[in-house]
């Protein structure tokens, strides 16, 4: 039988075999049987060299056309089988909504901190940071808090290391900072005035955990030092920030108080619709005052030239008021049912 007479039956056999392949491995076997190095179609092409010279052009053209047809059929069948292999083994309702990747959110305390920082940045304050493990000098001594002050008692403060060192006169013990005021000292000792900073961060105190207290909490403090700074500057700045964070209906009042590192010292109460919902007229929110002259002397500032004010308040308190939360411990339990609300 001539070569061209063999071509059409072989092509038909190959097309039928490719179409009948039920999976990708079977398709590869079929490809090898016809188009591989020892395949039937390859063997037919090898016979082209035995033909008379005048028959070769027509035979070569027919064989090339048949080969292209087989390769196209092979590619089409492979695409069908690959799609079939990718489909689910069980029936699928493609109209069902897809599974969306869950998007995380900032913790509510972080959200409140960011809002407070943003409000202070609007009036020119920069953010400062410092270590959480402090020493007695930066946490107490430089802040005009003497060794016999109750805040330095071992029942009030977390000291780090051997407790026997507490009995050593003059020992400077590492401790977990009780406030972020220590960063104010570090900043003042590192640069001359003017200074305008806020210091958000985690602090530690020996409190028993309950609905309104926790041994670990977050605080934000501020410091403004320049020439001719007054209590009026303090009141105006604090009022602007609290209105930005808690709403324009906020009203503040300032009461005399005592802090060892400010003179005069003041407590800040505030009221707005949130406080009224709690059944109260006023709620204590922060402590503040003019920086004590002794603190300026401790950091090398001349109190005859420079004046300043400082303040501090708990971030948890602001968050509890903003979101109507009645138990501070919810912030630390990492219950996603609680956190998803924010």
Protein backbone atom coordinates (compact mmCIF):
# COMPACT_ATOMS: atom_id res chain seq x y z
CA UNK A 1 0.00 0.00 0.00
CA UNK A 2 1.34 3.43 -0.94
CA UNK A 3 2.32 5.97 1.70
CA UNK A 4 -0.58 8.34 0.86
CA UNK A 5 -3.03 5.45 1.00
CA UNK A 6 -1.88 4.72 4.57
CA UNK A 7 -2.10 8.36 5.68
CA UNK A 8 -5.87 8.89 5.90
CA UNK A 9 -6.68 5.67 7.85
CA UNK A 10 -3.79 6.34 10.27
CA UNK A 11 -4.91 9.92 10.80
CA UNK A 12 -8.48 8.82 11.48
CA UNK A 13 -7.23 6.18 13.95
CA UNK A 14 -5.09 8.76 15.76
CA UNK A 15 -7.90 11.34 15.99
CA UNK A 16 -10.27 8.69 17.37
CA UNK A 17 -7.69 7.57 19.96
CA UNK A 18 -7.01 11.14 21.09
CA UNK A 19 -10.72 11.85 21.45
CA UNK A 20 -11.22 8.63 23.42
CA UNK A 21 -8.47 9.39 25.99
CA UNK A 22 -10.27 9.58 29.36
CA UNK A 23 -7.55 11.28 31.37
CA UNK A 24 -4.21 13.05 31.00
CA UNK A 25 -2.01 9.93 31.48
CA UNK A 26 -3.98 8.08 28.80
CA UNK A 27 -3.66 11.08 26.51
CA UNK A 28 0.13 11.08 26.92
CA UNK A 29 0.26 7.37 26.08
CA UNK A 30 -1.82 7.99 22.95
CA UNK A 31 0.47 10.83 21.92
CA UNK A 32 3.49 8.53 22.25
CA UNK A 33 1.80 5.76 20.27
CA UNK A 34 1.27 8.01 17.26
CA UNK A 35 3.56 11.06 17.49
CA UNK A 36 6.39 9.74 19.68
CA UNK A 37 9.82 8.71 18.45
CA UNK A 38 8.58 5.18 17.75
CA UNK A 39 5.00 6.14 16.96
CA UNK A 40 2.98 5.05 13.99
CA UNK A 41 2.76 8.48 12.43
CA UNK A 42 6.47 9.10 12.96
CA UNK A 43 7.23 5.80 11.23
CA UNK A 44 5.10 6.86 8.27
CA UNK A 45 7.03 10.12 8.00
CA UNK A 46 10.30 8.20 7.90
CA UNK A 47 9.10 6.42 4.74
CA UNK A 48 9.07 9.76 2.91
CA UNK A 49 12.73 9.32 2.03
CA UNK A 50 12.03 6.09 0.08
CA UNK A 51 9.60 7.72 -2.37
CA UNK A 52 10.56 8.70 -5.93
CA UNK A 53 11.72 12.26 -6.28
CA UNK A 54 8.60 13.41 -8.12
CA UNK A 55 6.21 12.06 -5.40
CA UNK A 56 7.97 13.58 -2.42
CA UNK A 57 6.50 17.16 -2.63
CA UNK A 58 2.88 16.03 -2.61
CA UNK A 59 3.45 13.37 0.02
CA UNK A 60 5.39 15.77 2.30
CA UNK A 61 2.65 18.38 2.06
CA UNK A 62 -0.06 15.84 2.96
CA UNK A 63 1.93 14.43 5.89
CA UNK A 64 2.63 17.92 7.33
CA UNK A 65 -1.06 18.85 7.09
CA UNK A 66 -2.04 15.65 8.88
CA UNK A 67 0.57 16.25 11.60
CA UNK A 68 -0.72 19.77 12.24
CA UNK A 69 -4.26 18.43 12.52
CA UNK A 70 -3.20 15.79 15.04
CA UNK A 71 -1.26 18.32 17.14
CA UNK A 72 -4.27 20.64 17.21
CA UNK A 73 -6.52 17.77 18.28
CA UNK A 74 -3.98 16.80 20.96
CA UNK A 75 -3.86 20.36 22.37
CA UNK A 76 -7.65 20.67 22.40
CA UNK A 77 -8.11 17.33 24.18
CA UNK A 78 -5.42 18.18 26.74
CA UNK A 79 -7.19 21.46 27.58
CA UNK A 80 -10.47 19.59 28.06
CA UNK A 81 -8.91 17.00 30.36
CA UNK A 82 -7.01 19.61 32.40
CA UNK A 83 -10.24 21.52 33.00
CA UNK A 84 -12.00 18.30 33.96
CA UNK A 85 -9.20 17.45 36.44
CA UNK A 86 -9.49 20.88 38.04
CA UNK A 87 -13.22 20.62 38.64
CA UNK A 88 -14.52 19.50 42.08
CA UNK A 89 -15.24 15.82 42.45
CA UNK A 90 -18.66 16.62 43.87
CA UNK A 91 -21.37 18.88 42.41
CA UNK A 92 -20.76 22.55 43.19
CA UNK A 93 -23.19 25.47 43.30
CA UNK A 94 -21.19 28.23 41.61
CA UNK A 95 -23.85 30.81 42.58
CA UNK A 96 -22.95 30.55 46.30
CA UNK A 97 -21.00 33.51 47.73
CA UNK A 98 -17.25 32.93 47.94
CA UNK A 99 -15.13 32.69 51.08
CA UNK A 100 -13.64 36.09 51.76
CA UNK A 101 -10.34 36.49 53.55
CA UNK A 102 -10.93 38.05 56.94
CA UNK A 103 -9.49 41.57 57.25
CA UNK A 104 -7.99 42.45 60.61
CA UNK A 105 -8.55 45.66 62.54
CA UNK A 106 -6.55 47.74 64.97
CA UNK A 107 -7.17 47.03 68.64
CA UNK A 108 -9.61 49.57 70.18
CA UNK A 109 -6.85 50.88 72.47
CA UNK A 110 -4.63 51.42 69.43
CA UNK A 111 -7.45 53.23 67.64
CA UNK A 112 -7.99 55.58 70.58
CA UNK A 113 -4.23 56.16 70.95
CA UNK A 114 -3.94 57.04 67.27
CA UNK A 115 -6.82 59.51 67.55
CA UNK A 116 -5.28 61.19 70.59
CA UNK A 117 -1.87 61.41 68.91
CA UNK A 118 -3.48 62.83 65.78
CA UNK A 119 -5.25 65.51 67.84
CA UNK A 120 -1.99 66.59 69.51
CA UNK A 121 -0.09 66.59 66.22
CA UNK A 122 -2.57 69.16 64.96
CA UNK A 123 -1.29 71.61 67.58
CA UNK A 124 2.39 70.89 67.02
CA UNK A 125 3.27 68.05 69.40
CA UNK A 126 5.75 65.31 68.51
CA UNK A 127 5.66 61.71 69.79
CA UNK A 128 8.44 60.51 72.12
CA UNK A 129 9.17 57.02 73.39
CA UNK A 130 11.32 55.39 76.05
CA UNK A 131 12.06 52.09 77.84
CA UNK A 132 9.43 50.26 79.86
CA UNK A 133 12.10 48.93 82.26
CA UNK A 134 13.29 52.09 83.98
CA UNK A 135 15.49 53.13 86.89
CA UNK A 136 14.51 54.99 90.02
CA UNK A 137 16.20 58.19 88.93
CA UNK A 138 14.14 58.73 85.76
CA UNK A 139 10.93 57.33 87.22
CA UNK A 140 11.04 59.05 90.62
CA UNK A 141 14.14 61.02 91.71
CA UNK A 142 14.27 63.44 88.78
CA UNK A 143 10.52 63.97 89.10
CA UNK A 144 10.87 65.33 92.63
CA UNK A 145 9.41 62.15 94.12
CA UNK A 146 11.51 61.40 97.25
CA UNK A 147 12.50 57.96 98.50
CA UNK A 148 9.79 57.97 101.20
CA UNK A 149 6.99 58.68 98.73
CA UNK A 150 4.24 56.00 98.78
CA UNK A 151 4.57 55.41 95.02
CA UNK A 152 8.04 53.99 95.63
CA UNK A 153 6.86 51.38 98.10
CA UNK A 154 7.44 47.76 97.06
CA UNK A 155 3.69 47.19 97.42
CA UNK A 156 2.96 49.87 94.79
CA UNK A 157 5.74 49.37 92.25
CA UNK A 158 7.04 46.40 90.27
CA UNK A 159 10.77 46.17 90.94
CA UNK A 160 12.88 43.92 88.73
CA UNK A 161 15.48 41.63 90.28
CA UNK A 162 16.40 40.58 93.81
CA UNK A 163 14.00 42.02 96.40
CA UNK A 164 16.77 42.03 99.01
CA UNK A 165 18.27 44.99 97.19
CA UNK A 166 15.29 47.05 98.37
CA UNK A 167 16.88 47.05 101.80
CA UNK A 168 20.20 48.40 100.50
CA UNK A 169 20.51 52.15 101.22
CA UNK A 170 21.05 54.19 98.08
CA UNK A 171 20.50 51.24 95.71
CA UNK A 172 19.18 52.26 92.30
CA UNK A 173 16.82 49.47 91.33
CA UNK A 174 15.41 48.64 87.90
CA UNK A 175 11.63 48.71 87.81
CA UNK A 176 8.69 48.62 85.42
CA UNK A 177 7.78 52.25 84.85
CA UNK A 178 4.74 53.44 86.76
CA UNK A 179 4.11 56.29 84.32
CA UNK A 180 5.51 57.61 81.06
CA UNK A 181 6.77 60.75 82.84
CA UNK A 182 10.19 59.09 82.84
CA UNK A 183 10.36 59.74 79.10
CA UNK A 184 9.81 63.45 79.75
CA UNK A 185 12.96 63.44 81.90
CA UNK A 186 14.92 61.62 79.21
CA UNK A 187 13.82 64.09 76.54
CA UNK A 188 14.62 67.16 78.67
CA UNK A 189 18.07 65.83 79.53
CA UNK A 190 18.80 65.15 75.86
CA UNK A 191 17.86 68.51 74.36
CA UNK A 192 17.30 72.16 75.29
CA UNK A 193 13.89 73.87 75.24
CA UNK A 194 11.52 74.52 73.65
CA UNK A 195 9.90 71.08 73.94
CA UNK A 196 6.44 69.99 72.89
CA UNK A 197 5.95 66.22 73.17
CA UNK A 198 3.40 63.53 73.98
CA UNK A 199 4.39 60.13 75.32
CA UNK A 200 1.98 57.21 74.81
CA UNK A 201 2.93 53.84 76.25
CA UNK A 202 2.37 50.89 78.55
CA UNK A 203 2.83 51.37 82.31
CA UNK A 204 2.69 49.08 85.34
CA UNK A 205 1.34 49.45 88.89
CA UNK A 206 0.52 47.06 91.70
CA UNK A 207 -3.27 47.28 91.26
CA UNK A 208 -5.67 44.39 91.78
CA UNK A 209 -7.52 43.62 88.57
CA UNK A 210 -11.18 44.60 88.63
CA UNK A 211 -13.65 46.36 86.35
CA UNK A 212 -11.75 49.66 86.46
CA UNK A 213 -8.14 48.69 87.38
CA UNK A 214 -5.42 46.50 85.92
CA UNK A 215 -1.73 46.05 86.80
CA UNK A 216 -0.86 46.85 83.20
CA UNK A 217 -2.51 49.70 81.36
CA UNK A 218 -1.74 52.43 78.84
CA UNK A 219 -1.09 56.08 79.49
CA UNK A 220 -0.41 59.17 77.45
CA UNK A 221 1.44 62.13 78.89
CA UNK A 222 2.35 65.50 77.47
CA UNK A 223 4.99 68.12 78.13
CA UNK A 224 5.28 71.68 76.88
CA UNK A 225 8.31 73.77 77.88
CA UNK A 226 9.05 77.25 76.57
CA UNK A 227 9.32 80.84 77.72
CA UNK A 228 6.17 82.42 79.17
CA UNK A 229 4.10 79.20 79.20
CA UNK A 230 1.03 79.58 81.44
CA UNK A 231 -1.85 77.58 82.88
CA UNK A 232 -3.98 79.21 80.19
CA UNK A 233 -1.91 77.41 77.54
CA UNK A 234 -2.50 74.14 79.42
CA UNK A 235 -6.26 74.62 79.64
CA UNK A 236 -6.64 75.63 76.02
CA UNK A 237 -4.59 72.72 74.68
CA UNK A 238 -6.27 70.06 76.82
CA UNK A 239 -9.74 71.36 75.98
CA UNK A 240 -9.01 71.37 72.25
CA UNK A 241 -7.73 67.78 72.35
CA UNK A 242 -10.60 66.36 74.42
CA UNK A 243 -13.16 68.01 72.17
CA UNK A 244 -11.40 66.53 69.14
CA UNK A 245 -11.35 63.02 70.66
CA UNK A 246 -14.63 62.88 72.62
CA UNK A 247 -16.87 65.40 70.86
CA UNK A 248 -17.54 69.10 70.70
CA UNK A 249 -19.96 68.97 73.66
CA UNK A 250 -17.12 68.29 76.13
CA UNK A 251 -16.83 70.65 79.09
CA UNK A 252 -13.85 70.65 81.48
CA UNK A 253 -13.26 71.82 85.00
CA UNK A 254 -9.95 72.02 86.86
CA UNK A 255 -9.61 71.23 90.58
CA UNK A 256 -6.59 71.82 92.83
CA UNK A 257 -4.63 68.65 93.58
CA UNK A 258 -1.15 67.49 94.53
CA UNK A 259 1.56 65.93 92.38
CA UNK A 260 5.18 66.04 93.45
CA UNK A 261 6.42 67.04 89.99
CA UNK A 262 4.00 69.90 89.26
CA UNK A 263 3.19 73.14 91.08
CA UNK A 264 0.41 74.15 90.98
CA UNK A 265 -1.19 70.75 90.34
CA UNK A 266 -4.69 70.18 89.00
CA UNK A 267 -7.16 67.38 88.39
CA UNK A 268 -9.28 67.58 85.26
CA UNK A 269 -12.95 66.59 85.31
CA UNK A 270 -15.05 66.52 82.20
CA UNK A 271 -18.65 66.09 81.22
CA UNK A 272 -20.52 65.40 77.99
CA UNK A 273 -23.40 63.22 76.79
CA UNK A 274 -21.42 60.04 77.49
CA UNK A 275 -20.93 61.01 81.13
CA UNK A 276 -24.61 61.88 81.47
CA UNK A 277 -25.51 58.37 80.25
CA UNK A 278 -23.52 56.98 83.18
CA UNK A 279 -25.75 58.96 85.55
CA UNK A 280 -22.93 61.31 86.58
CA UNK A 281 -22.44 65.05 86.26
CA UNK A 282 -18.61 65.03 86.13
CA UNK A 283 -15.95 62.36 85.71
CA UNK A 284 -12.27 62.62 86.58
CA UNK A 285 -10.20 62.18 83.42
CA UNK A 286 -6.63 63.45 83.89
CA UNK A 287 -4.03 65.07 86.10
CA UNK A 288 -1.91 68.05 85.11
CA UNK A 289 -0.05 71.11 86.33
CA UNK A 290 2.84 73.46 85.81
CA UNK A 291 6.22 71.71 85.89
CA UNK A 292 7.79 72.00 89.34
CA UNK A 293 10.91 74.26 89.40
CA UNK A 294 12.85 71.47 91.10
CA UNK A 295 12.24 69.19 88.11
CA UNK A 296 13.70 71.85 85.82
CA UNK A 297 16.76 72.13 88.04
CA UNK A 298 17.16 68.33 88.04
CA UNK A 299 17.42 68.29 84.23
CA UNK A 300 19.57 71.43 83.97
CA UNK A 301 16.91 73.97 82.93
CA UNK A 302 16.84 77.40 84.55
CA UNK A 303 13.35 77.77 86.14
CA UNK A 304 13.77 81.54 86.04
CA UNK A 305 13.79 81.40 82.23
CA UNK A 306 11.70 78.38 81.33
CA UNK A 307 8.18 77.40 82.34
CA UNK A 308 6.06 74.51 81.22
CA UNK A 309 3.13 72.26 81.88
CA UNK A 310 2.60 68.52 81.91
CA UNK A 311 -0.44 66.25 81.98
CA UNK A 312 -1.26 62.55 81.97
CA UNK A 313 -4.29 60.31 81.59
CA UNK A 314 -5.20 56.69 80.94
CA UNK A 315 -6.04 55.61 77.41
CA UNK A 316 -8.32 52.82 78.69
CA UNK A 317 -10.50 55.40 80.44
CA UNK A 318 -11.01 57.30 77.19
CA UNK A 319 -11.77 54.10 75.28
CA UNK A 320 -14.27 52.94 77.91
CA UNK A 321 -16.11 56.24 77.68
CA UNK A 322 -16.06 56.38 73.92
CA UNK A 323 -17.36 52.84 73.39
CA UNK A 324 -19.52 52.43 76.49
CA UNK A 325 -17.37 49.63 77.97
CA UNK A 326 -17.87 48.91 81.66
CA UNK A 327 -15.05 46.40 82.33
CA UNK A 328 -11.42 47.29 81.57
CA UNK A 329 -10.42 43.61 81.50
CA UNK A 330 -12.22 43.11 78.19
CA UNK A 331 -9.38 44.97 76.46
CA UNK A 332 -6.84 42.32 77.45
CA UNK A 333 -8.74 39.03 77.03
CA UNK A 334 -8.31 38.88 73.22
CA UNK A 335 -11.89 37.69 72.73
CA UNK A 336 -12.53 38.20 69.01
CA UNK A 337 -16.25 38.55 69.65
CA UNK A 338 -15.46 41.68 71.63
CA UNK A 339 -12.73 43.01 69.33
CA UNK A 340 -14.79 42.62 66.11
CA UNK A 341 -17.10 45.39 67.33
CA UNK A 342 -14.42 48.00 66.75
